[in-house]
Amino acid sequence: MTDEPILDQPVTGFLDRLASAAPTPGGGSVAALSGALAAGLLVMVCDLTLGNRRYAAVAAEMAHWRALAEQQRIALQELVQADVAAFTGWAAAYRLPRGDAARAAALQRALQRSTEVPLATIRAVAALLPACAPLAGAGNRLAVSDVGAALHLIVAAARSAALSVDINLAALDDDVFRQAVRAETDALLRTVDDVAAAVLPLVAERIAAA
């Protein structure tokens, strides 16, 4: 296994490692990468709209959404590696001698961190949602399908990351933390589903009108 950062590897290297018995990258990293891909698509739609005289009236709005999407793209790329680091921390705690008084506490800390990373992924992809309807409705019509693709990736990223949240919460002893994370995750997933249900028909309408 290489110590090279995940996203510094060639795509084929990432996919080969993903399809191996190596424990990382796993579902959490894939969720964050899916979100980063979604953000990249939204940046692309903005760039295809900015500078196009047909869309001069929405240039300021597109610049705003571009900045938001780029910010989240960077954050999500960092979360790909953060998920690997979180698992590494858990594995180190797990290898501590059984019966060691520090082992249980170390595992709980590692599990909490392993919960916080996918939750941050859900937050980051949810932060992309406000851009989706404006880009679907006013962005370059030739790229409206890319808005739809980004939205599907946002849904996939959020729901995939939520599974990582769930599996770690199940082993955590902190009831207050567990309940707070569960409530926030559920609320974010509802928002993701609501936006997808509202925006995907708009994408389909603009595609049909092409």
N, C-alpha and C. Protein backbone atom coordinates (compact mmCIF):
# COMPACT_ATOMS: atom_id res chain seq x y z
N MET A 1 0.85 -1.20 0.00
CA MET A 1 0.00 0.00 0.00
C MET A 1 0.88 1.25 0.00
N THR A 2 0.58 2.18 -0.84
CA THR A 2 1.35 3.42 -0.91
C THR A 2 0.86 4.42 0.13
N ASP A 3 1.80 5.27 0.62
CA ASP A 3 1.43 6.34 1.53
C ASP A 3 1.09 7.62 0.79
N GLU A 4 1.15 7.57 -0.53
CA GLU A 4 0.85 8.75 -1.35
C GLU A 4 -0.61 9.16 -1.13
N PRO A 5 -0.89 10.47 -0.98
CA PRO A 5 -2.28 10.90 -0.84
C PRO A 5 -3.16 10.33 -1.94
N ILE A 6 -4.34 9.93 -1.57
CA ILE A 6 -5.24 9.24 -2.49
C ILE A 6 -5.41 9.99 -3.81
N LEU A 7 -5.69 11.30 -3.73
CA LEU A 7 -5.98 12.04 -4.94
C LEU A 7 -4.73 12.46 -5.71
N ASP A 8 -3.55 12.14 -5.19
CA ASP A 8 -2.33 12.37 -5.96
C ASP A 8 -2.00 11.17 -6.84
N GLN A 9 -2.75 10.09 -6.68
CA GLN A 9 -2.54 8.89 -7.50
C GLN A 9 -3.27 9.04 -8.83
N PRO A 10 -2.81 8.33 -9.86
CA PRO A 10 -3.57 8.30 -11.11
C PRO A 10 -4.96 7.71 -10.85
N VAL A 11 -5.91 8.06 -11.69
CA VAL A 11 -7.27 7.53 -11.52
C VAL A 11 -7.25 6.01 -11.49
N THR A 12 -6.46 5.40 -12.39
CA THR A 12 -6.41 3.94 -12.42
C THR A 12 -5.83 3.39 -11.12
N GLY A 13 -4.85 4.10 -10.53
CA GLY A 13 -4.30 3.66 -9.26
C GLY A 13 -5.33 3.71 -8.15
N PHE A 14 -6.11 4.79 -8.13
CA PHE A 14 -7.18 4.91 -7.14
C PHE A 14 -8.18 3.77 -7.30
N LEU A 15 -8.59 3.52 -8.53
CA LEU A 15 -9.61 2.49 -8.77
C LEU A 15 -9.07 1.10 -8.47
N ASP A 16 -7.81 0.86 -8.80
CA ASP A 16 -7.21 -0.44 -8.50
C ASP A 16 -7.15 -0.67 -7.00
N ARG A 17 -6.77 0.38 -6.26
CA ARG A 17 -6.70 0.24 -4.80
C ARG A 17 -8.09 0.08 -4.22
N LEU A 18 -9.06 0.79 -4.77
CA LEU A 18 -10.44 0.67 -4.31
C LEU A 18 -10.94 -0.76 -4.49
N ALA A 19 -10.54 -1.38 -5.59
CA ALA A 19 -11.01 -2.73 -5.92
C ALA A 19 -10.12 -3.82 -5.35
N SER A 20 -9.32 -3.48 -4.35
CA SER A 20 -8.43 -4.44 -3.72
C SER A 20 -8.90 -4.75 -2.30
N ALA A 21 -8.13 -5.58 -1.62
CA ALA A 21 -8.46 -5.90 -0.23
C ALA A 21 -8.01 -4.82 0.74
N ALA A 22 -7.36 -3.77 0.24
CA ALA A 22 -6.94 -2.67 1.11
C ALA A 22 -8.18 -2.02 1.74
N PRO A 23 -8.14 -1.71 3.03
CA PRO A 23 -9.33 -1.14 3.67
C PRO A 23 -9.64 0.29 3.27
N THR A 24 -8.65 0.98 2.71
CA THR A 24 -8.88 2.34 2.23
C THR A 24 -8.36 2.47 0.80
N PRO A 25 -9.01 3.28 -0.04
CA PRO A 25 -10.22 4.06 0.25
C PRO A 25 -11.44 3.16 0.37
N GLY A 26 -12.42 3.64 1.10
CA GLY A 26 -13.67 2.90 1.26
C GLY A 26 -14.85 3.79 0.94
N GLY A 27 -16.00 3.42 1.48
CA GLY A 27 -17.22 4.13 1.13
C GLY A 27 -17.22 5.60 1.49
N GLY A 28 -16.57 5.95 2.60
CA GLY A 28 -16.53 7.36 2.98
C GLY A 28 -15.75 8.20 2.01
N SER A 29 -14.61 7.68 1.56
CA SER A 29 -13.80 8.41 0.58
C SER A 29 -14.53 8.52 -0.75
N VAL A 30 -15.19 7.44 -1.14
CA VAL A 30 -15.94 7.45 -2.40
C VAL A 30 -17.08 8.46 -2.33
N ALA A 31 -17.73 8.55 -1.17
CA ALA A 31 -18.80 9.54 -1.00
C ALA A 31 -18.26 10.95 -1.17
N ALA A 32 -17.12 11.24 -0.54
CA ALA A 32 -16.53 12.57 -0.66
C ALA A 32 -16.09 12.85 -2.08
N LEU A 33 -15.52 11.84 -2.75
CA LEU A 33 -15.12 12.02 -4.14
C LEU A 33 -16.32 12.27 -5.03
N SER A 34 -17.42 11.57 -4.79
CA SER A 34 -18.64 11.81 -5.56
C SER A 34 -19.12 13.25 -5.38
N GLY A 35 -19.02 13.75 -4.15
CA GLY A 35 -19.40 15.14 -3.91
C GLY A 35 -18.47 16.10 -4.61
N ALA A 36 -17.17 15.79 -4.61
CA ALA A 36 -16.21 16.66 -5.30
C ALA A 36 -16.47 16.67 -6.80
N LEU A 37 -16.85 15.53 -7.36
CA LEU A 37 -17.20 15.46 -8.78
C LEU A 37 -18.43 16.31 -9.07
N ALA A 38 -19.40 16.25 -8.17
CA ALA A 38 -20.60 17.08 -8.34
C ALA A 38 -20.24 18.55 -8.32
N ALA A 39 -19.41 18.94 -7.37
CA ALA A 39 -19.00 20.34 -7.30
C ALA A 39 -18.24 20.76 -8.55
N GLY A 40 -17.38 19.87 -9.05
CA GLY A 40 -16.64 20.18 -10.27
C GLY A 40 -17.56 20.39 -11.46
N LEU A 41 -18.60 19.59 -11.55
CA LEU A 41 -19.57 19.77 -12.63
C LEU A 41 -20.27 21.12 -12.53
N LEU A 42 -20.62 21.51 -11.31
CA LEU A 42 -21.29 22.81 -11.14
C LEU A 42 -20.36 23.97 -11.49
N VAL A 43 -19.08 23.85 -11.13
CA VAL A 43 -18.10 24.87 -11.53
C VAL A 43 -18.03 24.94 -13.05
N MET A 44 -18.00 23.79 -13.69
CA MET A 44 -17.93 23.76 -15.15
C MET A 44 -19.14 24.45 -15.79
N VAL A 45 -20.32 24.19 -15.26
CA VAL A 45 -21.52 24.84 -15.80
C VAL A 45 -21.41 26.36 -15.66
N CYS A 46 -20.92 26.80 -14.53
CA CYS A 46 -20.73 28.25 -14.34
C CYS A 46 -19.74 28.80 -15.36
N ASP A 47 -18.64 28.10 -15.55
CA ASP A 47 -17.62 28.57 -16.49
C ASP A 47 -18.14 28.60 -17.93
N LEU A 48 -19.02 27.66 -18.26
CA LEU A 48 -19.60 27.64 -19.60
C LEU A 48 -20.66 28.73 -19.79
N THR A 49 -21.11 29.30 -18.68
CA THR A 49 -22.10 30.37 -18.71
C THR A 49 -21.43 31.74 -18.66
N LEU A 50 -20.44 31.86 -17.80
CA LEU A 50 -19.70 33.12 -17.68
C LEU A 50 -18.95 33.41 -18.98
N GLY A 51 -19.00 34.65 -19.41
CA GLY A 51 -18.31 35.02 -20.63
C GLY A 51 -19.10 34.78 -21.89
N ASN A 52 -20.24 34.11 -21.77
CA ASN A 52 -21.12 33.88 -22.91
C ASN A 52 -22.11 35.03 -22.98
N ARG A 53 -22.09 35.77 -24.08
CA ARG A 53 -22.92 36.98 -24.19
C ARG A 53 -24.40 36.67 -24.02
N ARG A 54 -24.83 35.46 -24.35
CA ARG A 54 -26.24 35.12 -24.21
C ARG A 54 -26.69 35.14 -22.74
N TYR A 55 -25.71 34.97 -21.85
CA TYR A 55 -26.05 34.86 -20.43
C TYR A 55 -25.44 36.01 -19.62
N ALA A 56 -25.21 37.13 -20.28
CA ALA A 56 -24.58 38.27 -19.61
C ALA A 56 -25.41 38.75 -18.42
N ALA A 57 -26.71 38.63 -18.50
CA ALA A 57 -27.58 39.13 -17.44
C ALA A 57 -27.43 38.35 -16.14
N VAL A 58 -26.93 37.12 -16.22
CA VAL A 58 -26.80 36.31 -15.01
C VAL A 58 -25.33 36.10 -14.62
N ALA A 59 -24.44 36.91 -15.20
CA ALA A 59 -23.01 36.72 -14.96
C ALA A 59 -22.65 36.85 -13.48
N ALA A 60 -23.18 37.85 -12.80
CA ALA A 60 -22.85 38.05 -11.39
C ALA A 60 -23.35 36.88 -10.55
N GLU A 61 -24.54 36.40 -10.87
CA GLU A 61 -25.09 35.26 -10.14
C GLU A 61 -24.25 34.01 -10.38
N MET A 62 -23.83 33.80 -11.62
CA MET A 62 -23.02 32.63 -11.94
C MET A 62 -21.66 32.69 -11.23
N ALA A 63 -21.09 33.88 -11.14
CA ALA A 63 -19.81 34.04 -10.44
C ALA A 63 -19.97 33.68 -8.96
N HIS A 64 -21.11 34.06 -8.39
CA HIS A 64 -21.38 33.73 -6.99
C HIS A 64 -21.45 32.21 -6.79
N TRP A 65 -22.21 31.55 -7.65
CA TRP A 65 -22.37 30.10 -7.50
C TRP A 65 -21.08 29.37 -7.82
N ARG A 66 -20.30 29.93 -8.73
CA ARG A 66 -19.01 29.31 -9.03
C ARG A 66 -18.11 29.32 -7.80
N ALA A 67 -18.06 30.44 -7.11
CA ALA A 67 -17.22 30.55 -5.92
C ALA A 67 -17.68 29.56 -4.84
N LEU A 68 -18.98 29.43 -4.67
CA LEU A 68 -19.50 28.49 -3.69
C LEU A 68 -19.12 27.06 -4.05
N ALA A 69 -19.34 26.68 -5.32
CA ALA A 69 -19.07 25.31 -5.75
C ALA A 69 -17.58 24.99 -5.66
N GLU A 70 -16.73 25.95 -6.01
CA GLU A 70 -15.29 25.72 -5.94
C GLU A 70 -14.84 25.54 -4.50
N GLN A 71 -15.41 26.32 -3.60
CA GLN A 71 -15.06 26.18 -2.18
C GLN A 71 -15.39 24.78 -1.68
N GLN A 72 -16.56 24.29 -2.04
CA GLN A 72 -16.96 22.95 -1.59
C GLN A 72 -16.18 21.86 -2.31
N ARG A 73 -15.79 22.10 -3.55
CA ARG A 73 -14.97 21.12 -4.26
C ARG A 73 -13.66 20.89 -3.51
N ILE A 74 -13.03 21.97 -3.10
CA ILE A 74 -11.77 21.86 -2.36
C ILE A 74 -11.99 21.13 -1.03
N ALA A 75 -13.06 21.50 -0.34
CA ALA A 75 -13.36 20.86 0.95
C ALA A 75 -13.61 19.37 0.79
N LEU A 76 -14.34 18.99 -0.24
CA LEU A 76 -14.66 17.59 -0.46
C LEU A 76 -13.44 16.79 -0.87
N GLN A 77 -12.56 17.39 -1.64
CA GLN A 77 -11.31 16.71 -1.99
C GLN A 77 -10.51 16.41 -0.72
N GLU A 78 -10.48 17.36 0.19
CA GLU A 78 -9.76 17.15 1.46
C GLU A 78 -10.44 16.05 2.28
N LEU A 79 -11.74 15.94 2.18
CA LEU A 79 -12.46 14.92 2.94
C LEU A 79 -12.21 13.51 2.40
N VAL A 80 -11.83 13.39 1.13
CA VAL A 80 -11.45 12.07 0.60
C VAL A 80 -10.30 11.51 1.42
N GLN A 81 -9.28 12.35 1.64
CA GLN A 81 -8.11 11.92 2.40
C GLN A 81 -8.42 11.86 3.89
N ALA A 82 -9.27 12.76 4.37
CA ALA A 82 -9.62 12.76 5.79
C ALA A 82 -10.30 11.46 6.19
N ASP A 83 -11.07 10.89 5.29
CA ASP A 83 -11.72 9.62 5.61
C ASP A 83 -10.68 8.51 5.76
N VAL A 84 -9.67 8.52 4.90
CA VAL A 84 -8.58 7.55 5.03
C VAL A 84 -7.88 7.72 6.38
N ALA A 85 -7.60 8.97 6.74
CA ALA A 85 -6.92 9.24 8.01
C ALA A 85 -7.76 8.80 9.20
N ALA A 86 -9.08 9.00 9.11
CA ALA A 86 -9.96 8.60 10.20
C ALA A 86 -9.94 7.09 10.39
N PHE A 87 -9.97 6.35 9.29
CA PHE A 87 -9.91 4.90 9.40
C PHE A 87 -8.56 4.46 9.97
N THR A 88 -7.49 5.10 9.53
CA THR A 88 -6.16 4.77 10.03
C THR A 88 -6.09 4.97 11.55
N GLY A 89 -6.70 6.04 12.03
CA GLY A 89 -6.74 6.29 13.46
C GLY A 89 -7.53 5.23 14.21
N TRP A 90 -8.65 4.81 13.63
CA TRP A 90 -9.43 3.74 14.26
C TRP A 90 -8.65 2.44 14.29
N ALA A 91 -7.99 2.11 13.18
CA ALA A 91 -7.22 0.86 13.12
C ALA A 91 -6.10 0.86 14.16
N ALA A 92 -5.45 2.01 14.35
CA ALA A 92 -4.38 2.10 15.35
C ALA A 92 -4.93 1.86 16.76
N ALA A 93 -6.11 2.44 17.02
CA ALA A 93 -6.73 2.23 18.34
C ALA A 93 -7.14 0.77 18.52
N TYR A 94 -7.64 0.17 17.47
CA TYR A 94 -8.10 -1.22 17.54
C TYR A 94 -6.94 -2.17 17.84
N ARG A 95 -5.74 -1.82 17.39
CA ARG A 95 -4.58 -2.69 17.57
C ARG A 95 -3.97 -2.57 18.98
N LEU A 96 -4.44 -1.62 19.78
CA LEU A 96 -3.94 -1.52 21.15
C LEU A 96 -4.27 -2.81 21.91
N PRO A 97 -3.45 -3.17 22.86
CA PRO A 97 -3.67 -4.43 23.59
C PRO A 97 -5.04 -4.46 24.25
N ARG A 98 -5.72 -5.58 24.08
CA ARG A 98 -7.01 -5.74 24.74
C ARG A 98 -6.79 -5.74 26.25
N GLY A 99 -7.66 -5.07 26.94
CA GLY A 99 -7.50 -4.94 28.37
C GLY A 99 -6.77 -3.68 28.78
N ASP A 100 -6.14 -3.02 27.79
CA ASP A 100 -5.47 -1.75 28.06
C ASP A 100 -6.55 -0.72 28.40
N ALA A 101 -6.39 -0.05 29.51
CA ALA A 101 -7.42 0.91 29.93
C ALA A 101 -7.62 2.02 28.93
N ALA A 102 -6.57 2.31 28.16
CA ALA A 102 -6.67 3.41 27.20
C ALA A 102 -7.34 2.98 25.90
N ARG A 103 -7.45 1.67 25.66
CA ARG A 103 -7.95 1.19 24.36
C ARG A 103 -9.40 1.61 24.10
N ALA A 104 -10.26 1.39 25.09
CA ALA A 104 -11.68 1.71 24.89
C ALA A 104 -11.88 3.19 24.61
N ALA A 105 -11.17 4.04 25.37
CA ALA A 105 -11.29 5.48 25.15
C ALA A 105 -10.74 5.88 23.79
N ALA A 106 -9.64 5.26 23.38
CA ALA A 106 -9.06 5.58 22.07
C ALA A 106 -9.99 5.16 20.95
N LEU A 107 -10.62 4.01 21.11
CA LEU A 107 -11.58 3.56 20.09
C LEU A 107 -12.77 4.50 19.98
N GLN A 108 -13.26 4.97 21.11
CA GLN A 108 -14.40 5.89 21.09
C GLN A 108 -14.02 7.21 20.41
N ARG A 109 -12.83 7.70 20.71
CA ARG A 109 -12.37 8.93 20.04
C ARG A 109 -12.25 8.72 18.54
N ALA A 110 -11.70 7.58 18.16
CA ALA A 110 -11.52 7.29 16.73
C ALA A 110 -12.87 7.11 16.03
N LEU A 111 -13.81 6.48 16.70
CA LEU A 111 -15.14 6.31 16.12
C LEU A 111 -15.85 7.65 15.95
N GLN A 112 -15.65 8.54 16.92
CA GLN A 112 -16.26 9.87 16.80
C GLN A 112 -15.68 10.61 15.60
N ARG A 113 -14.36 10.54 15.43
CA ARG A 113 -13.75 11.18 14.28
C ARG A 113 -14.23 10.53 12.98
N SER A 114 -14.39 9.23 13.00
CA SER A 114 -14.85 8.51 11.81
C SER A 114 -16.30 8.82 11.50
N THR A 115 -17.02 9.37 12.46
CA THR A 115 -18.39 9.84 12.24
C THR A 115 -18.40 11.28 11.73
N GLU A 116 -17.52 12.09 12.29
CA GLU A 116 -17.47 13.51 11.94
C GLU A 116 -17.09 13.73 10.48
N VAL A 117 -16.22 12.88 9.93
CA VAL A 117 -15.77 13.08 8.55
C VAL A 117 -16.91 12.88 7.55
N PRO A 118 -17.62 11.75 7.58
CA PRO A 118 -18.74 11.63 6.63
C PRO A 118 -19.86 12.64 6.88
N LEU A 119 -20.05 13.05 8.14
CA LEU A 119 -21.03 14.11 8.39
C LEU A 119 -20.59 15.39 7.71
N ALA A 120 -19.30 15.69 7.76
CA ALA A 120 -18.79 16.87 7.05
C ALA A 120 -19.00 16.75 5.55
N THR A 121 -18.92 15.53 5.03
CA THR A 121 -19.20 15.31 3.61
C THR A 121 -20.65 15.65 3.29
N ILE A 122 -21.55 15.21 4.13
CA ILE A 122 -22.98 15.50 3.90
C ILE A 122 -23.22 17.01 3.97
N ARG A 123 -22.60 17.66 4.93
CA ARG A 123 -22.75 19.12 5.02
C ARG A 123 -22.23 19.81 3.77
N ALA A 124 -21.09 19.34 3.28
CA ALA A 124 -20.47 19.99 2.13
C ALA A 124 -21.31 19.82 0.87
N VAL A 125 -21.85 18.63 0.65
CA VAL A 125 -22.67 18.46 -0.55
C VAL A 125 -23.99 19.19 -0.41
N ALA A 126 -24.52 19.25 0.82
CA ALA A 126 -25.75 20.01 1.03
C ALA A 126 -25.52 21.50 0.76
N ALA A 127 -24.31 21.97 1.01
CA ALA A 127 -23.99 23.38 0.74
C ALA A 127 -24.02 23.70 -0.75
N LEU A 128 -23.93 22.67 -1.59
CA LEU A 128 -24.02 22.86 -3.04
C LEU A 128 -25.46 23.05 -3.53
N LEU A 129 -26.41 22.63 -2.73
CA LEU A 129 -27.80 22.59 -3.19
C LEU A 129 -28.36 23.93 -3.63
N PRO A 130 -28.06 25.05 -2.94
CA PRO A 130 -28.64 26.32 -3.38
C PRO A 130 -28.25 26.71 -4.81
N ALA A 131 -27.13 26.17 -5.30
CA ALA A 131 -26.69 26.51 -6.65
C ALA A 131 -27.45 25.74 -7.72
N CYS A 132 -28.07 24.63 -7.36
CA CYS A 132 -28.59 23.72 -8.39
C CYS A 132 -29.76 24.29 -9.18
N ALA A 133 -30.75 24.85 -8.48
CA ALA A 133 -31.89 25.40 -9.20
C ALA A 133 -31.50 26.59 -10.08
N PRO A 134 -30.71 27.55 -9.59
CA PRO A 134 -30.31 28.66 -10.46
C PRO A 134 -29.51 28.20 -11.68
N LEU A 135 -28.63 27.23 -11.51
CA LEU A 135 -27.85 26.76 -12.66
C LEU A 135 -28.72 25.97 -13.63
N ALA A 136 -29.66 25.21 -13.08
CA ALA A 136 -30.57 24.46 -13.95
C ALA A 136 -31.49 25.40 -14.73
N GLY A 137 -31.88 26.50 -14.09
CA GLY A 137 -32.83 27.41 -14.74
C GLY A 137 -32.21 28.48 -15.59
N ALA A 138 -31.00 28.94 -15.23
CA ALA A 138 -30.42 30.09 -15.94
C ALA A 138 -29.03 29.84 -16.47
N GLY A 139 -28.43 28.70 -16.14
CA GLY A 139 -27.10 28.40 -16.65
C GLY A 139 -27.15 28.05 -18.13
N ASN A 140 -25.99 27.91 -18.72
CA ASN A 140 -25.88 27.57 -20.14
C ASN A 140 -26.74 26.34 -20.43
N ARG A 141 -27.68 26.50 -21.36
CA ARG A 141 -28.63 25.43 -21.65
C ARG A 141 -27.93 24.17 -22.14
N LEU A 142 -26.80 24.34 -22.81
CA LEU A 142 -26.09 23.18 -23.34
C LEU A 142 -25.46 22.33 -22.24
N ALA A 143 -25.41 22.87 -21.03
CA ALA A 143 -24.80 22.14 -19.91
C ALA A 143 -25.82 21.78 -18.84
N VAL A 144 -27.10 21.91 -19.13
CA VAL A 144 -28.10 21.66 -18.09
C VAL A 144 -28.09 20.20 -17.66
N SER A 145 -27.74 19.29 -18.56
CA SER A 145 -27.66 17.88 -18.17
C SER A 145 -26.57 17.66 -17.12
N ASP A 146 -25.54 18.50 -17.15
CA ASP A 146 -24.46 18.38 -16.16
C ASP A 146 -24.93 18.81 -14.78
N VAL A 147 -25.87 19.74 -14.73
CA VAL A 147 -26.47 20.10 -13.44
C VAL A 147 -27.22 18.91 -12.89
N GLY A 148 -27.97 18.24 -13.76
CA GLY A 148 -28.68 17.04 -13.32
C GLY A 148 -27.73 15.95 -12.84
N ALA A 149 -26.64 15.75 -13.59
CA ALA A 149 -25.66 14.75 -13.18
C ALA A 149 -25.06 15.12 -11.82
N ALA A 150 -24.77 16.40 -11.62
CA ALA A 150 -24.22 16.85 -10.34
C ALA A 150 -25.21 16.58 -9.21
N LEU A 151 -26.48 16.83 -9.47
CA LEU A 151 -27.48 16.62 -8.42
C LEU A 151 -27.61 15.15 -8.06
N HIS A 152 -27.56 14.27 -9.05
CA HIS A 152 -27.59 12.84 -8.76
C HIS A 152 -26.37 12.44 -7.93
N LEU A 153 -25.22 13.02 -8.24
CA LEU A 153 -24.01 12.72 -7.47
C LEU A 153 -24.11 13.26 -6.04
N ILE A 154 -24.75 14.40 -5.89
CA ILE A 154 -24.96 14.95 -4.54
C ILE A 154 -25.81 14.00 -3.71
N VAL A 155 -26.88 13.50 -4.31
CA VAL A 155 -27.74 12.54 -3.60
C VAL A 155 -26.94 11.29 -3.23
N ALA A 156 -26.19 10.77 -4.19
CA ALA A 156 -25.40 9.56 -3.94
C ALA A 156 -24.35 9.81 -2.85
N ALA A 157 -23.69 10.96 -2.92
CA ALA A 157 -22.67 11.28 -1.92
C ALA A 157 -23.27 11.38 -0.53
N ALA A 158 -24.38 12.09 -0.42
CA ALA A 158 -25.02 12.28 0.89
C ALA A 158 -25.48 10.96 1.48
N ARG A 159 -26.12 10.14 0.67
CA ARG A 159 -26.66 8.89 1.19
C ARG A 159 -25.54 7.88 1.46
N SER A 160 -24.49 7.90 0.66
CA SER A 160 -23.35 7.02 0.91
C SER A 160 -22.63 7.43 2.19
N ALA A 161 -22.41 8.73 2.37
CA ALA A 161 -21.76 9.21 3.59
C ALA A 161 -22.61 8.90 4.82
N ALA A 162 -23.93 8.96 4.65
CA ALA A 162 -24.82 8.68 5.79
C ALA A 162 -24.66 7.24 6.27
N LEU A 163 -24.36 6.32 5.37
CA LEU A 163 -24.13 4.94 5.77
C LEU A 163 -22.88 4.84 6.65
N SER A 164 -21.85 5.62 6.31
CA SER A 164 -20.64 5.65 7.15
C SER A 164 -20.95 6.25 8.52
N VAL A 165 -21.79 7.27 8.53
CA VAL A 165 -22.24 7.84 9.81
C VAL A 165 -22.94 6.77 10.63
N ASP A 166 -23.85 6.05 9.99
CA ASP A 166 -24.66 5.06 10.71
C ASP A 166 -23.81 3.97 11.35
N ILE A 167 -22.86 3.43 10.58
CA ILE A 167 -22.10 2.29 11.09
C ILE A 167 -21.19 2.69 12.25
N ASN A 168 -20.73 3.95 12.26
CA ASN A 168 -19.91 4.41 13.37
C ASN A 168 -20.76 4.80 14.58
N LEU A 169 -21.90 5.41 14.34
CA LEU A 169 -22.78 5.76 15.46
C LEU A 169 -23.20 4.52 16.24
N ALA A 170 -23.37 3.42 15.54
CA ALA A 170 -23.84 2.20 16.20
C ALA A 170 -22.88 1.71 17.27
N ALA A 171 -21.60 2.07 17.15
CA ALA A 171 -20.59 1.60 18.11
C ALA A 171 -20.19 2.66 19.12
N LEU A 172 -20.81 3.85 19.04
CA LEU A 172 -20.46 4.93 19.95
C LEU A 172 -21.28 4.87 21.23
N ASP A 173 -20.64 5.21 22.34
CA ASP A 173 -21.32 5.19 23.64
C ASP A 173 -21.94 6.53 24.01
N ASP A 174 -21.53 7.61 23.35
CA ASP A 174 -21.97 8.95 23.71
C ASP A 174 -23.37 9.20 23.14
N ASP A 175 -24.39 9.07 23.99
CA ASP A 175 -25.77 9.20 23.52
C ASP A 175 -26.08 10.60 23.02
N VAL A 176 -25.54 11.61 23.69
CA VAL A 176 -25.81 12.99 23.28
C VAL A 176 -25.25 13.25 21.90
N PHE A 177 -24.00 12.85 21.68
CA PHE A 177 -23.38 13.01 20.37
C PHE A 177 -24.15 12.22 19.31
N ARG A 178 -24.50 10.99 19.65
CA ARG A 178 -25.19 10.13 18.70
C ARG A 178 -26.53 10.72 18.27
N GLN A 179 -27.29 11.22 19.23
CA GLN A 179 -28.60 11.78 18.91
C GLN A 179 -28.48 13.06 18.09
N ALA A 180 -27.49 13.90 18.41
CA ALA A 180 -27.31 15.14 17.67
C ALA A 180 -26.91 14.87 16.23
N VAL A 181 -26.00 13.92 16.05
CA VAL A 181 -25.55 13.59 14.69
C VAL A 181 -26.68 12.96 13.89
N ARG A 182 -27.43 12.06 14.54
CA ARG A 182 -28.54 11.41 13.85
C ARG A 182 -29.58 12.44 13.38
N ALA A 183 -29.90 13.40 14.25
CA ALA A 183 -30.88 14.43 13.90
C ALA A 183 -30.39 15.30 12.75
N GLU A 184 -29.11 15.71 12.81
CA GLU A 184 -28.58 16.55 11.75
C GLU A 184 -28.50 15.80 10.42
N THR A 185 -28.06 14.56 10.48
CA THR A 185 -27.97 13.76 9.26
C THR A 185 -29.33 13.59 8.61
N ASP A 186 -30.33 13.24 9.39
CA ASP A 186 -31.68 13.05 8.85
C ASP A 186 -32.20 14.33 8.23
N ALA A 187 -31.96 15.46 8.88
CA ALA A 187 -32.44 16.74 8.35
C ALA A 187 -31.75 17.08 7.03
N LEU A 188 -30.45 16.85 6.97
CA LEU A 188 -29.72 17.14 5.73
C LEU A 188 -30.18 16.24 4.60
N LEU A 189 -30.41 14.97 4.89
CA LEU A 189 -30.87 14.05 3.84
C LEU A 189 -32.26 14.45 3.32
N ARG A 190 -33.12 14.91 4.21
CA ARG A 190 -34.44 15.38 3.75
C ARG A 190 -34.29 16.57 2.82
N THR A 191 -33.38 17.48 3.16
CA THR A 191 -33.15 18.64 2.30
C THR A 191 -32.61 18.22 0.94
N VAL A 192 -31.66 17.30 0.94
CA VAL A 192 -31.11 16.80 -0.33
C VAL A 192 -32.22 16.20 -1.18
N ASP A 193 -33.05 15.36 -0.58
CA ASP A 193 -34.13 14.73 -1.34
C ASP A 193 -35.13 15.76 -1.86
N ASP A 194 -35.44 16.75 -1.05
CA ASP A 194 -36.41 17.77 -1.46
C ASP A 194 -35.89 18.58 -2.64
N VAL A 195 -34.61 18.97 -2.58
CA VAL A 195 -34.04 19.77 -3.67
C VAL A 195 -33.96 18.93 -4.94
N ALA A 196 -33.55 17.68 -4.82
CA ALA A 196 -33.48 16.81 -5.99
C ALA A 196 -34.86 16.66 -6.64
N ALA A 197 -35.88 16.47 -5.80
CA ALA A 197 -37.24 16.30 -6.32
C ALA A 197 -37.73 17.56 -7.03
N ALA A 198 -37.27 18.73 -6.59
CA ALA A 198 -37.71 19.99 -7.19
C ALA A 198 -36.92 20.35 -8.44
N VAL A 199 -35.62 20.06 -8.44
CA VAL A 199 -34.75 20.55 -9.51
C VAL A 199 -34.64 19.59 -10.69
N LEU A 200 -34.66 18.29 -10.44
CA LEU A 200 -34.50 17.35 -11.55
C LEU A 200 -35.60 17.50 -12.61
N PRO A 201 -36.86 17.77 -12.24
CA PRO A 201 -37.86 18.04 -13.29
C PRO A 201 -37.53 19.29 -14.10
N LEU A 202 -36.95 20.30 -13.48
CA LEU A 202 -36.54 21.51 -14.20
C LEU A 202 -35.45 21.18 -15.21
N VAL A 203 -34.50 20.33 -14.80
CA VAL A 203 -33.45 19.89 -15.73
C VAL A 203 -34.10 19.17 -16.92
N ALA A 204 -35.03 18.27 -16.63
CA ALA A 204 -35.68 17.53 -17.71
C ALA A 204 -36.45 18.45 -18.65
N GLU A 205 -37.09 19.46 -18.09
CA GLU A 205 -37.85 20.41 -18.92
C GLU A 205 -36.94 21.17 -19.87
N ARG A 206 -35.79 21.65 -19.36
CA ARG A 206 -34.86 22.39 -20.23
C ARG A 206 -34.24 21.50 -21.28
N ILE A 207 -33.99 20.23 -20.92
CA ILE A 207 -33.47 19.29 -21.92
C ILE A 207 -34.51 19.07 -23.01
N ALA A 208 -35.76 18.90 -22.61
CA ALA A 208 -36.84 18.64 -23.57
C ALA A 208 -37.08 19.84 -24.48
N ALA A 209 -36.80 21.02 -23.97
CA ALA A 209 -37.04 22.24 -24.75
C ALA A 209 -35.89 22.56 -25.68
N ALA A 210 -34.83 21.79 -25.60
CA ALA A 210 -33.65 22.09 -26.42
C ALA A 210 -33.94 21.90 -27.91
